[in-house]
Amino acid sequence: MRIGLDAMGGDFAPEATVSGALLAKEVLPEDVQVVLFGDEAAIIEELSKKGVAKDTFEIIHAPEEIGMGEHPTKAFVNKPKSSLALGFGMLKAGKIDAFASNGNTGVMMVGAMFTIKTVTGVIRPTISTHLPRLDGSMGVLLDVGINADCKPDVLYQFGLIGSLFSQYVYGVEKPKVGLLNIGSEPEKGNLVSQAAHELMKDNKDYNFIGNIEGNEIFTTKADVIVCDGFTGNIVLKLAESTYGILKERGIEDDYFERYNYENFGGTPILGVNSTVMIGHGASTDVAVKNMLVLAKDVTEARLAEKLKKSLGND
């Protein structure tokens, strides 16, 4: 397996990305290789600072760089020699099995849609976040930002995508899928939530258990929680701020330490034809390492193939 990493993406690149790749190399199996995309001289300089030979990684030189504030579509098209464009090009050609970046999220979405494209039958791709639970297990919440408005059929499909992720990445047998709402009754919520509930109930694609309320998000009532990206992003930012407040107040707690994004590093774009990982712009080397490890796990899960089969187009 070959995992591509945008060495120039993120606030602390290339130092954090190169260091993260080295940390990942220590824990990844020997048959998993990390390929670095970016300014070759800058990457080699970082390797040299750490006393590491330049041939430790395959380096794909990318003389152009895409900034965090650039227009996604224009930047991807107008900078074909950027690390992001070259990375997606090799992913499409099958020369790497996964591609990860802490850079411009919009460009990552554009790259995925333009090159490897969505799985046939998927209405909208989605991104998720991890939900640490008190019993030590992990839940999944989706969408968390790229689909602010969702129709009922999109929410229905998120249930399927999240169920496959929970089953094959987290190893949960027959994941319980819930719809995030303001009450447990089917008639609660806005018109979209009510219609989505009607579609989800008694379906044969996954194990739908009904509505989930806000005070149940971090419990084991549901393994997968479905919502629109507007709501999901608020939940995600609230969890991140809770962790930040606890750190500022010097409160140490094993459970809340699991809220730290560095533990996961990134999240995959679900519903596309290959593994694409999006990381936090402020990622440290530890976060980069964990993103690469998760990229391996997601690639091994072969989610795109399983989604195709579930949609009946295998």
C-alpha atoms as a PDB file:
ATOM      1  CA  MET A   1       0.000   0.000   0.000  1.00  0.00           C
ATOM      2  CA  ARG A   2       1.163   3.509  -0.858  1.00  0.00           C
ATOM      3  CA  ILE A   3      -0.243   6.528   1.000  1.00  0.00           C
ATOM      4  CA  GLY A   4       0.343   9.990  -0.435  1.00  0.00           C
ATOM      5  CA  LEU A   5       0.840  12.919   1.941  1.00  0.00           C
ATOM      6  CA  ASP A   6       0.674  16.598   1.021  1.00  0.00           C
ATOM      7  CA  ALA A   7       3.875  17.700   2.739  1.00  0.00           C
ATOM      8  CA  MET A   8       3.065  21.391   2.209  1.00  0.00           C
ATOM      9  CA  GLY A   9      -0.442  21.362   3.706  1.00  0.00           C
ATOM     10  CA  GLY A  10      -1.211  22.855   7.110  1.00  0.00           C
ATOM     11  CA  ASP A  11      -0.092  25.693   9.336  1.00  0.00           C
ATOM     12  CA  PHE A  12       3.140  23.982  10.391  1.00  0.00           C
ATOM     13  CA  ALA A  13       4.196  22.369   7.126  1.00  0.00           C
ATOM     14  CA  PRO A  14       6.592  21.021   6.066  1.00  0.00           C
ATOM     15  CA  GLU A  15       8.084  20.498   9.550  1.00  0.00           C
ATOM     16  CA  ALA A  16       4.987  18.874  11.066  1.00  0.00           C
ATOM     17  CA  THR A  17       4.140  16.820   7.983  1.00  0.00           C
ATOM     18  CA  VAL A  18       7.644  15.422   7.517  1.00  0.00           C
ATOM     19  CA  SER A  19       7.936  14.676  11.244  1.00  0.00           C
ATOM     20  CA  GLY A  20       4.503  13.053  11.169  1.00  0.00           C
ATOM     21  CA  ALA A  21       5.491  10.888   8.228  1.00  0.00           C
ATOM     22  CA  LEU A  22       8.550   9.723  10.183  1.00  0.00           C
ATOM     23  CA  LEU A  23       6.401   8.898  13.218  1.00  0.00           C
ATOM     24  CA  ALA A  24       3.980   6.991  10.998  1.00  0.00           C
ATOM     25  CA  LYS A  25       6.830   5.041   9.438  1.00  0.00           C
ATOM     26  CA  GLU A  26       7.661   3.683  12.893  1.00  0.00           C
ATOM     27  CA  VAL A  27       4.177   2.206  13.434  1.00  0.00           C
ATOM     28  CA  LEU A  28       2.933   1.348   9.944  1.00  0.00           C
ATOM     29  CA  PRO A  29       3.585  -2.145   8.550  1.00  0.00           C
ATOM     30  CA  GLU A  30       6.650  -2.466   6.341  1.00  0.00           C
ATOM     31  CA  ASP A  31       4.518  -2.965   3.231  1.00  0.00           C
ATOM     32  CA  VAL A  32       2.896   0.472   3.706  1.00  0.00           C
ATOM     33  CA  GLN A  33       4.896   3.288   2.100  1.00  0.00           C
ATOM     34  CA  VAL A  34       4.365   7.021   2.561  1.00  0.00           C
ATOM     35  CA  VAL A  35       4.913   9.189  -0.515  1.00  0.00           C
ATOM     36  CA  LEU A  36       5.559  12.896   0.080  1.00  0.00           C
ATOM     37  CA  PHE A  37       4.241  15.560  -2.315  1.00  0.00           C
ATOM     38  CA  GLY A  38       5.667  19.069  -2.160  1.00  0.00           C
ATOM     39  CA  ASP A  39       8.741  21.251  -2.562  1.00  0.00           C
ATOM     40  CA  GLU A  40      11.547  18.700  -2.787  1.00  0.00           C
ATOM     41  CA  ALA A  41      14.237  21.022  -1.402  1.00  0.00           C
ATOM     42  CA  ALA A  42      12.104  21.959   1.613  1.00  0.00           C
ATOM     43  CA  ILE A  43      11.267  18.323   2.328  1.00  0.00           C
ATOM     44  CA  ILE A  44      14.890  17.216   2.068  1.00  0.00           C
ATOM     45  CA  GLU A  45      15.910  20.090   4.359  1.00  0.00           C
ATOM     46  CA  GLU A  46      13.464  18.878   7.016  1.00  0.00           C
ATOM     47  CA  LEU A  47      14.734  15.317   6.694  1.00  0.00           C
ATOM     48  CA  SER A  48      18.304  16.566   6.995  1.00  0.00           C
ATOM     49  CA  LYS A  49      17.485  18.476  10.199  1.00  0.00           C
ATOM     50  CA  LYS A  50      16.353  15.198  11.704  1.00  0.00           C
ATOM     51  CA  GLY A  51      19.385  13.294  10.485  1.00  0.00           C
ATOM     52  CA  VAL A  52      17.326  11.222   8.073  1.00  0.00           C
ATOM     53  CA  ALA A  53      18.423  10.244   4.577  1.00  0.00           C
ATOM     54  CA  LYS A  54      16.565  11.911   1.722  1.00  0.00           C
ATOM     55  CA  ASP A  55      15.703   8.550   0.177  1.00  0.00           C
ATOM     56  CA  THR A  56      13.724   7.519   3.286  1.00  0.00           C
ATOM     57  CA  PHE A  57      10.568   8.524   1.392  1.00  0.00           C
ATOM     58  CA  GLU A  58       9.686   8.801  -2.252  1.00  0.00           C
ATOM     59  CA  ILE A  59       9.328  12.527  -2.941  1.00  0.00           C
ATOM     60  CA  ILE A  60       7.158  13.906  -5.748  1.00  0.00           C
ATOM     61  CA  HIS A  61       8.351  17.438  -6.450  1.00  0.00           C
ATOM     62  CA  ALA A  62       5.541  19.995  -6.595  1.00  0.00           C
ATOM     63  CA  PRO A  63       6.819  23.493  -7.430  1.00  0.00           C
ATOM     64  CA  GLU A  64       3.407  25.152  -7.018  1.00  0.00           C
ATOM     65  CA  GLU A  65       1.622  25.646  -3.709  1.00  0.00           C
ATOM     66  CA  ILE A  66      -2.049  26.232  -2.916  1.00  0.00           C
ATOM     67  CA  GLY A  67      -2.791  28.492   0.048  1.00  0.00           C
ATOM     68  CA  MET A  68      -5.570  28.030   2.570  1.00  0.00           C
ATOM     69  CA  GLY A  69      -7.492  31.071   1.338  1.00  0.00           C
ATOM     70  CA  GLU A  70      -7.463  30.357  -2.389  1.00  0.00           C
ATOM     71  CA  HIS A  71     -10.598  29.634  -4.399  1.00  0.00           C
ATOM     72  CA  PRO A  72     -10.848  25.811  -4.513  1.00  0.00           C
ATOM     73  CA  THR A  73     -11.798  25.231  -8.149  1.00  0.00           C
ATOM     74  CA  LYS A  74      -9.570  27.960  -9.601  1.00  0.00           C
ATOM     75  CA  ALA A  75      -6.577  26.864  -7.534  1.00  0.00           C
ATOM     76  CA  PHE A  76      -6.937  23.200  -8.459  1.00  0.00           C
ATOM     77  CA  VAL A  77      -7.267  23.947 -12.170  1.00  0.00           C
ATOM     78  CA  ASN A  78      -4.705  26.762 -12.412  1.00  0.00           C
ATOM     79  CA  LYS A  79      -1.992  25.043 -10.370  1.00  0.00           C
ATOM     80  CA  PRO A  80      -1.571  21.597 -11.955  1.00  0.00           C
ATOM     81  CA  LYS A  81       1.901  21.214 -10.437  1.00  0.00           C
ATOM     82  CA  SER A  82       0.762  21.783  -6.865  1.00  0.00           C
ATOM     83  CA  SER A  83       1.079  19.018  -4.290  1.00  0.00           C
ATOM     84  CA  LEU A  84      -2.709  18.620  -4.208  1.00  0.00           C
ATOM     85  CA  ALA A  85      -3.145  18.367  -7.980  1.00  0.00           C
ATOM     86  CA  LEU A  86      -0.244  15.949  -8.382  1.00  0.00           C
ATOM     87  CA  GLY A  87      -1.450  13.866  -5.457  1.00  0.00           C
ATOM     88  CA  PHE A  88      -4.928  13.458  -6.886  1.00  0.00           C
ATOM     89  CA  GLY A  89      -3.445  12.715 -10.288  1.00  0.00           C
ATOM     90  CA  MET A  90      -1.478   9.791  -8.901  1.00  0.00           C
ATOM     91  CA  LEU A  91      -4.485   8.628  -6.855  1.00  0.00           C
ATOM     92  CA  LYS A  92      -6.623   8.556 -10.006  1.00  0.00           C
ATOM     93  CA  ALA A  93      -3.895   6.670 -11.880  1.00  0.00           C
ATOM     94  CA  GLY A  94      -3.684   4.071  -9.118  1.00  0.00           C
ATOM     95  CA  LYS A  95      -0.070   4.947  -8.306  1.00  0.00           C
ATOM     96  CA  ILE A  96      -1.028   5.617  -4.687  1.00  0.00           C
ATOM     97  CA  ASP A  97      -3.865   4.006  -2.715  1.00  0.00           C
ATOM     98  CA  ALA A  98      -4.761   6.980  -0.513  1.00  0.00           C
ATOM     99  CA  PHE A  99      -4.076  10.703  -0.367  1.00  0.00           C
ATOM    100  CA  ALA A 100      -4.031  12.860   2.773  1.00  0.00           C
ATOM    101  CA  SER A 101      -3.648  16.591   3.387  1.00  0.00           C
ATOM    102  CA  ASN A 102      -3.987  19.217   6.118  1.00  0.00           C
ATOM    103  CA  GLY A 103      -4.302  21.892   3.457  1.00  0.00           C
ATOM    104  CA  ASN A 104      -7.202  23.673   1.780  1.00  0.00           C
ATOM    105  CA  THR A 105     -10.313  21.567   2.511  1.00  0.00           C
ATOM    106  CA  GLY A 106     -12.241  23.057  -0.396  1.00  0.00           C
ATOM    107  CA  VAL A 107      -9.506  22.049  -2.831  1.00  0.00           C
ATOM    108  CA  MET A 108      -9.480  18.545  -1.373  1.00  0.00           C
ATOM    109  CA  MET A 109     -13.217  18.278  -2.055  1.00  0.00           C
ATOM    110  CA  VAL A 110     -12.826  19.660  -5.576  1.00  0.00           C
ATOM    111  CA  GLY A 111      -9.929  17.289  -6.229  1.00  0.00           C
ATOM    112  CA  ALA A 112     -11.930  14.304  -5.082  1.00  0.00           C
ATOM    113  CA  MET A 113     -14.979  15.260  -7.160  1.00  0.00           C
ATOM    114  CA  PHE A 114     -12.974  16.095 -10.309  1.00  0.00           C
ATOM    115  CA  THR A 115     -10.612  13.132 -10.308  1.00  0.00           C
ATOM    116  CA  ILE A 116     -11.683   9.981  -8.473  1.00  0.00           C
ATOM    117  CA  LYS A 117     -15.350  11.119  -8.399  1.00  0.00           C
ATOM    118  CA  THR A 118     -18.211   9.879  -6.231  1.00  0.00           C
ATOM    119  CA  VAL A 119     -19.342   6.280  -6.121  1.00  0.00           C
ATOM    120  CA  THR A 120     -22.147   5.783  -8.652  1.00  0.00           C
ATOM    121  CA  GLY A 121     -25.448   6.231  -6.857  1.00  0.00           C
ATOM    122  CA  VAL A 122     -24.099   8.429  -4.060  1.00  0.00           C
ATOM    123  CA  ILE A 123     -26.081  11.663  -3.953  1.00  0.00           C
ATOM    124  CA  ARG A 124     -23.502  13.625  -1.963  1.00  0.00           C
ATOM    125  CA  PRO A 125     -20.187  12.596  -0.404  1.00  0.00           C
ATOM    126  CA  THR A 126     -19.834  13.346   3.292  1.00  0.00           C
ATOM    127  CA  ILE A 127     -17.325  13.754   6.082  1.00  0.00           C
ATOM    128  CA  SER A 128     -17.726  12.436   9.596  1.00  0.00           C
ATOM    129  CA  THR A 129     -16.263  12.879  13.042  1.00  0.00           C
ATOM    130  CA  HIS A 130     -15.423  10.410  15.785  1.00  0.00           C
ATOM    131  CA  LEU A 131     -17.617  10.299  18.896  1.00  0.00           C
ATOM    132  CA  PRO A 132     -15.751   9.047  21.989  1.00  0.00           C
ATOM    133  CA  ARG A 133     -18.123   7.154  24.273  1.00  0.00           C
ATOM    134  CA  LEU A 134     -17.876   6.553  28.020  1.00  0.00           C
ATOM    135  CA  ASP A 135     -17.431   2.804  27.621  1.00  0.00           C
ATOM    136  CA  GLY A 136     -14.274   3.324  25.537  1.00  0.00           C
ATOM    137  CA  SER A 137     -15.896   2.624  22.175  1.00  0.00           C
ATOM    138  CA  MET A 138     -16.232   5.036  19.274  1.00  0.00           C
ATOM    139  CA  GLY A 139     -19.300   6.347  17.486  1.00  0.00           C
ATOM    140  CA  VAL A 140     -19.609   8.211  14.188  1.00  0.00           C
ATOM    141  CA  LEU A 141     -21.413  11.488  13.423  1.00  0.00           C
ATOM    142  CA  LEU A 142     -22.074  12.600   9.839  1.00  0.00           C
ATOM    143  CA  ASP A 143     -22.214  15.051   8.119  1.00  0.00           C
ATOM    144  CA  VAL A 144     -20.074  17.605   9.939  1.00  0.00           C
ATOM    145  CA  GLY A 145     -19.680  20.444   7.514  1.00  0.00           C
ATOM    146  CA  ILE A 146     -19.694  19.947   3.755  1.00  0.00           C
ATOM    147  CA  ASN A 147     -23.459  19.505   3.341  1.00  0.00           C
ATOM    148  CA  ALA A 148     -25.080  22.304   5.324  1.00  0.00           C
ATOM    149  CA  ASP A 149     -28.496  21.626   3.791  1.00  0.00           C
ATOM    150  CA  CYS A 150     -29.655  18.063   3.207  1.00  0.00           C
ATOM    151  CA  LYS A 151     -32.792  16.567   1.714  1.00  0.00           C
ATOM    152  CA  PRO A 152     -34.319  13.481   3.354  1.00  0.00           C
ATOM    153  CA  ASP A 153     -32.881  11.049   0.788  1.00  0.00           C
ATOM    154  CA  VAL A 154     -29.378  12.397   1.447  1.00  0.00           C
ATOM    155  CA  LEU A 155     -29.783  11.837   5.192  1.00  0.00           C
ATOM    156  CA  TYR A 156     -31.078   8.342   4.470  1.00  0.00           C
ATOM    157  CA  GLN A 157     -27.952   7.587   2.470  1.00  0.00           C
ATOM    158  CA  PHE A 158     -25.677   9.017   5.169  1.00  0.00           C
ATOM    159  CA  GLY A 159     -27.095   6.290   7.389  1.00  0.00           C
ATOM    160  CA  LEU A 160     -25.860   3.636   4.967  1.00  0.00           C
ATOM    161  CA  ILE A 161     -22.436   5.242   4.501  1.00  0.00           C
ATOM    162  CA  GLY A 162     -21.952   5.701   8.252  1.00  0.00           C
ATOM    163  CA  SER A 163     -23.070   2.151   8.960  1.00  0.00           C
ATOM    164  CA  LEU A 164     -20.466   0.733   6.584  1.00  0.00           C
ATOM    165  CA  PHE A 165     -17.771   2.930   8.142  1.00  0.00           C
ATOM    166  CA  SER A 166     -18.693   1.823  11.661  1.00  0.00           C
ATOM    167  CA  GLN A 167     -18.798  -1.828  10.684  1.00  0.00           C
ATOM    168  CA  TYR A 168     -15.624  -2.107   8.641  1.00  0.00           C
ATOM    169  CA  VAL A 169     -13.360   0.512  10.259  1.00  0.00           C
ATOM    170  CA  TYR A 170     -14.492   0.260  13.898  1.00  0.00           C
ATOM    171  CA  GLY A 171     -15.532  -3.377  13.727  1.00  0.00           C
ATOM    172  CA  VAL A 172     -19.069  -2.823  15.040  1.00  0.00           C
ATOM    173  CA  GLU A 173     -21.363  -5.677  14.060  1.00  0.00           C
ATOM    174  CA  LYS A 174     -24.732  -4.418  12.800  1.00  0.00           C
ATOM    175  CA  PRO A 175     -24.226  -0.751  13.838  1.00  0.00           C
ATOM    176  CA  LYS A 176     -27.184   1.084  15.343  1.00  0.00           C
ATOM    177  CA  VAL A 177     -28.066   4.145  13.249  1.00  0.00           C
ATOM    178  CA  GLY A 178     -29.893   7.118  14.781  1.00  0.00           C
ATOM    179  CA  LEU A 179     -31.202  10.406  13.367  1.00  0.00           C
ATOM    180  CA  LEU A 180     -30.217  13.479  15.398  1.00  0.00           C
ATOM    181  CA  ASN A 181     -33.386  15.328  16.396  1.00  0.00           C
ATOM    182  CA  ILE A 182     -34.986  17.444  19.126  1.00  0.00           C
ATOM    183  CA  GLY A 183     -37.128  14.593  20.418  1.00  0.00           C
ATOM    184  CA  SER A 184     -37.422  10.819  20.307  1.00  0.00           C
ATOM    185  CA  GLU A 185     -40.873  10.734  18.723  1.00  0.00           C
ATOM    186  CA  PRO A 186     -41.082  10.260  14.909  1.00  0.00           C
ATOM    187  CA  GLU A 187     -43.193  13.398  14.485  1.00  0.00           C
ATOM    188  CA  LYS A 188     -40.627  15.649  16.222  1.00  0.00           C
ATOM    189  CA  GLY A 189     -38.270  18.016  14.426  1.00  0.00           C
ATOM    190  CA  ASN A 190     -38.484  20.004  11.209  1.00  0.00           C
ATOM    191  CA  LEU A 191     -40.055  18.754   7.990  1.00  0.00           C
ATOM    192  CA  VAL A 192     -36.753  17.375   6.694  1.00  0.00           C
ATOM    193  CA  SER A 193     -36.162  15.344   9.854  1.00  0.00           C
ATOM    194  CA  GLN A 194     -39.704  13.996   9.820  1.00  0.00           C
ATOM    195  CA  ALA A 195     -39.410  12.962   6.174  1.00  0.00           C
ATOM    196  CA  ALA A 196     -35.985  11.407   6.750  1.00  0.00           C
ATOM    197  CA  HIS A 197     -37.354   9.404   9.670  1.00  0.00           C
ATOM    198  CA  GLU A 198     -40.141   8.108   7.442  1.00  0.00           C
ATOM    199  CA  LEU A 199     -37.578   6.945   4.876  1.00  0.00           C
ATOM    200  CA  MET A 200     -35.291   5.376   7.464  1.00  0.00           C
ATOM    201  CA  LYS A 201     -37.826   3.436   9.484  1.00  0.00           C
ATOM    202  CA  ASP A 202     -38.171  -0.257   8.609  1.00  0.00           C
ATOM    203  CA  ASN A 203     -35.483   0.027   5.915  1.00  0.00           C
ATOM    204  CA  LYS A 204     -33.496  -3.062   4.882  1.00  0.00           C
ATOM    205  CA  ASP A 205     -30.168  -1.313   4.227  1.00  0.00           C
ATOM    206  CA  TYR A 206     -29.114  -0.745   7.838  1.00  0.00           C
ATOM    207  CA  ASN A 207     -30.202  -0.960  11.469  1.00  0.00           C
ATOM    208  CA  PHE A 208     -32.160   2.242  12.111  1.00  0.00           C
ATOM    209  CA  ILE A 209     -33.207   2.719  15.755  1.00  0.00           C
ATOM    210  CA  GLY A 210     -35.026   6.059  15.550  1.00  0.00           C
ATOM    211  CA  ASN A 211     -34.284   9.579  16.715  1.00  0.00           C
ATOM    212  CA  ILE A 212     -31.314  10.505  18.917  1.00  0.00           C
ATOM    213  CA  GLU A 213     -31.400  13.599  21.117  1.00  0.00           C
ATOM    214  CA  GLY A 214     -28.477  15.882  21.934  1.00  0.00           C
ATOM    215  CA  ASN A 215     -27.984  14.411  25.402  1.00  0.00           C
ATOM    216  CA  GLU A 216     -27.492  10.952  23.854  1.00  0.00           C
ATOM    217  CA  ILE A 217     -24.776  11.821  21.344  1.00  0.00           C
ATOM    218  CA  PHE A 218     -21.891  10.471  23.433  1.00  0.00           C
ATOM    219  CA  THR A 219     -23.771   7.432  24.754  1.00  0.00           C
ATOM    220  CA  THR A 220     -23.943   3.960  23.229  1.00  0.00           C
ATOM    221  CA  LYS A 221     -27.577   4.313  22.166  1.00  0.00           C
ATOM    222  CA  ALA A 222     -26.451   4.727  18.542  1.00  0.00           C
ATOM    223  CA  ASP A 223     -23.184   3.787  16.820  1.00  0.00           C
ATOM    224  CA  VAL A 224     -23.891   6.102  13.882  1.00  0.00           C
ATOM    225  CA  ILE A 225     -25.667   9.455  14.209  1.00  0.00           C
ATOM    226  CA  VAL A 226     -26.964  11.172  11.074  1.00  0.00           C
ATOM    227  CA  CYS A 227     -27.553  14.909  10.660  1.00  0.00           C
ATOM    228  CA  ASP A 228     -27.029  17.732   8.176  1.00  0.00           C
ATOM    229  CA  GLY A 229     -23.619  19.385   8.020  1.00  0.00           C
ATOM    230  CA  PHE A 230     -24.861  22.596   9.652  1.00  0.00           C
ATOM    231  CA  THR A 231     -25.915  20.755  12.818  1.00  0.00           C
ATOM    232  CA  GLY A 232     -22.993  18.350  12.754  1.00  0.00           C
ATOM    233  CA  ASN A 233     -20.423  21.108  12.524  1.00  0.00           C
ATOM    234  CA  ILE A 234     -21.922  22.839  15.554  1.00  0.00           C
ATOM    235  CA  VAL A 235     -21.706  19.578  17.529  1.00  0.00           C
ATOM    236  CA  LEU A 236     -18.100  19.087  16.413  1.00  0.00           C
ATOM    237  CA  LYS A 237     -17.035  22.637  17.336  1.00  0.00           C
ATOM    238  CA  LEU A 238     -18.810  22.376  20.701  1.00  0.00           C
ATOM    239  CA  ALA A 239     -16.909  19.177  21.517  1.00  0.00           C
ATOM    240  CA  GLU A 240     -13.615  20.791  20.466  1.00  0.00           C
ATOM    241  CA  SER A 241     -14.291  23.869  22.588  1.00  0.00           C
ATOM    242  CA  THR A 242     -15.183  21.714  25.600  1.00  0.00           C
ATOM    243  CA  TYR A 243     -11.817  20.015  25.310  1.00  0.00           C
ATOM    244  CA  GLY A 244     -10.093  23.379  24.933  1.00  0.00           C
ATOM    245  CA  ILE A 245     -11.797  24.836  28.031  1.00  0.00           C
ATOM    246  CA  LEU A 246     -10.791  21.823  30.118  1.00  0.00           C
ATOM    247  CA  LYS A 247      -7.163  22.170  28.988  1.00  0.00           C
ATOM    248  CA  GLU A 248      -7.158  25.897  29.772  1.00  0.00           C
ATOM    249  CA  ARG A 249      -8.448  25.186  33.266  1.00  0.00           C
ATOM    250  CA  GLY A 250      -5.833  22.511  33.828  1.00  0.00           C
ATOM    251  CA  ILE A 251      -8.378  19.721  34.163  1.00  0.00           C
ATOM    252  CA  GLU A 252      -7.011  16.322  33.170  1.00  0.00           C
ATOM    253  CA  ASP A 253      -9.496  13.573  32.362  1.00  0.00           C
ATOM    254  CA  ASP A 254      -8.888  10.358  30.393  1.00  0.00           C
ATOM    255  CA  TYR A 255     -12.293  10.459  28.741  1.00  0.00           C
ATOM    256  CA  PHE A 256     -12.143  14.079  27.602  1.00  0.00           C
ATOM    257  CA  GLU A 257      -8.581  13.557  26.357  1.00  0.00           C
ATOM    258  CA  ARG A 258     -10.184  11.417  23.669  1.00  0.00           C
ATOM    259  CA  TYR A 259     -11.766  14.607  22.283  1.00  0.00           C
ATOM    260  CA  ASN A 260      -8.306  15.749  21.167  1.00  0.00           C
ATOM    261  CA  TYR A 261      -8.299  15.794  17.362  1.00  0.00           C
ATOM    262  CA  GLU A 262      -4.645  14.721  17.382  1.00  0.00           C
ATOM    263  CA  ASN A 263      -5.787  11.235  18.394  1.00  0.00           C
ATOM    264  CA  PHE A 264      -7.468  10.806  15.006  1.00  0.00           C
ATOM    265  CA  GLY A 265      -5.552  13.240  12.818  1.00  0.00           C
ATOM    266  CA  GLY A 266      -8.152  13.515  10.096  1.00  0.00           C
ATOM    267  CA  THR A 267     -11.324  12.208   8.567  1.00  0.00           C
ATOM    268  CA  PRO A 268     -12.024  10.503   5.237  1.00  0.00           C
ATOM    269  CA  ILE A 269     -14.287  11.855   2.528  1.00  0.00           C
ATOM    270  CA  LEU A 270     -16.899   9.109   2.426  1.00  0.00           C
ATOM    271  CA  GLY A 271     -18.756   8.195  -0.752  1.00  0.00           C
ATOM    272  CA  VAL A 272     -15.886   8.677  -3.220  1.00  0.00           C
ATOM    273  CA  ASN A 273     -14.005   6.023  -5.182  1.00  0.00           C
ATOM    274  CA  SER A 274     -10.785   6.014  -3.179  1.00  0.00           C
ATOM    275  CA  THR A 275      -9.346   7.008   0.194  1.00  0.00           C
ATOM    276  CA  VAL A 276      -9.053  10.787   0.641  1.00  0.00           C
ATOM    277  CA  MET A 277      -8.169  12.107   4.100  1.00  0.00           C
ATOM    278  CA  ILE A 278      -8.744  15.673   5.312  1.00  0.00           C
ATOM    279  CA  GLY A 279      -6.749  16.850   8.317  1.00  0.00           C
ATOM    280  CA  HIS A 280      -6.912  19.873  10.633  1.00  0.00           C
ATOM    281  CA  GLY A 281      -4.951  22.890   9.405  1.00  0.00           C
ATOM    282  CA  ALA A 282      -3.252  23.198  12.811  1.00  0.00           C
ATOM    283  CA  SER A 283      -2.164  19.554  12.848  1.00  0.00           C
ATOM    284  CA  THR A 284       0.991  18.612  14.729  1.00  0.00           C
ATOM    285  CA  ASP A 285       3.277  15.736  13.801  1.00  0.00           C
ATOM    286  CA  VAL A 286       1.265  13.420  16.068  1.00  0.00           C
ATOM    287  CA  ALA A 287      -1.948  14.325  14.261  1.00  0.00           C
ATOM    288  CA  VAL A 288      -0.286  13.726  10.885  1.00  0.00           C
ATOM    289  CA  LYS A 289       0.917  10.322  12.051  1.00  0.00           C
ATOM    290  CA  ASN A 290      -2.556   9.308  13.212  1.00  0.00           C
ATOM    291  CA  MET A 291      -4.126  10.558   9.976  1.00  0.00           C
ATOM    292  CA  LEU A 292      -1.801   8.300   8.001  1.00  0.00           C
ATOM    293  CA  VAL A 293      -2.602   5.336  10.235  1.00  0.00           C
ATOM    294  CA  LEU A 294      -6.337   5.967   9.775  1.00  0.00           C
ATOM    295  CA  ALA A 295      -5.774   6.248   6.016  1.00  0.00           C
ATOM    296  CA  LYS A 296      -4.341   2.733   6.085  1.00  0.00           C
ATOM    297  CA  ASP A 297      -7.326   1.407   8.059  1.00  0.00           C
ATOM    298  CA  VAL A 298      -9.861   3.064   5.754  1.00  0.00           C
ATOM    299  CA  THR A 299      -8.065   1.794   2.643  1.00  0.00           C
ATOM    300  CA  GLU A 300      -7.967  -1.741   4.016  1.00  0.00           C
ATOM    301  CA  ALA A 301     -11.710  -1.537   4.781  1.00  0.00           C
ATOM    302  CA  ARG A 302     -12.392  -1.062   1.034  1.00  0.00           C
ATOM    303  CA  LEU A 303     -15.386   1.111   1.830  1.00  0.00           C
ATOM    304  CA  ALA A 304     -15.967   2.237  -1.768  1.00  0.00           C
ATOM    305  CA  GLU A 305     -16.341  -1.364  -2.945  1.00  0.00           C
ATOM    306  CA  LYS A 306     -18.715  -2.209  -0.115  1.00  0.00           C
ATOM    307  CA  LEU A 307     -20.754   0.923  -0.796  1.00  0.00           C
ATOM    308  CA  LYS A 308     -21.020   0.021  -4.484  1.00  0.00           C
ATOM    309  CA  LYS A 309     -22.301  -3.411  -3.538  1.00  0.00           C
ATOM    310  CA  SER A 310     -24.830  -1.950  -1.099  1.00  0.00           C
ATOM    311  CA  LEU A 311     -26.085   0.417  -3.788  1.00  0.00           C
ATOM    312  CA  GLY A 312     -26.418  -2.451  -6.232  1.00  0.00           C
ATOM    313  CA  ASN A 313     -23.869  -1.278  -8.793  1.00  0.00           C
ATOM    314  CA  ASP A 314     -20.995  -3.714  -8.175  1.00  0.00           C
END
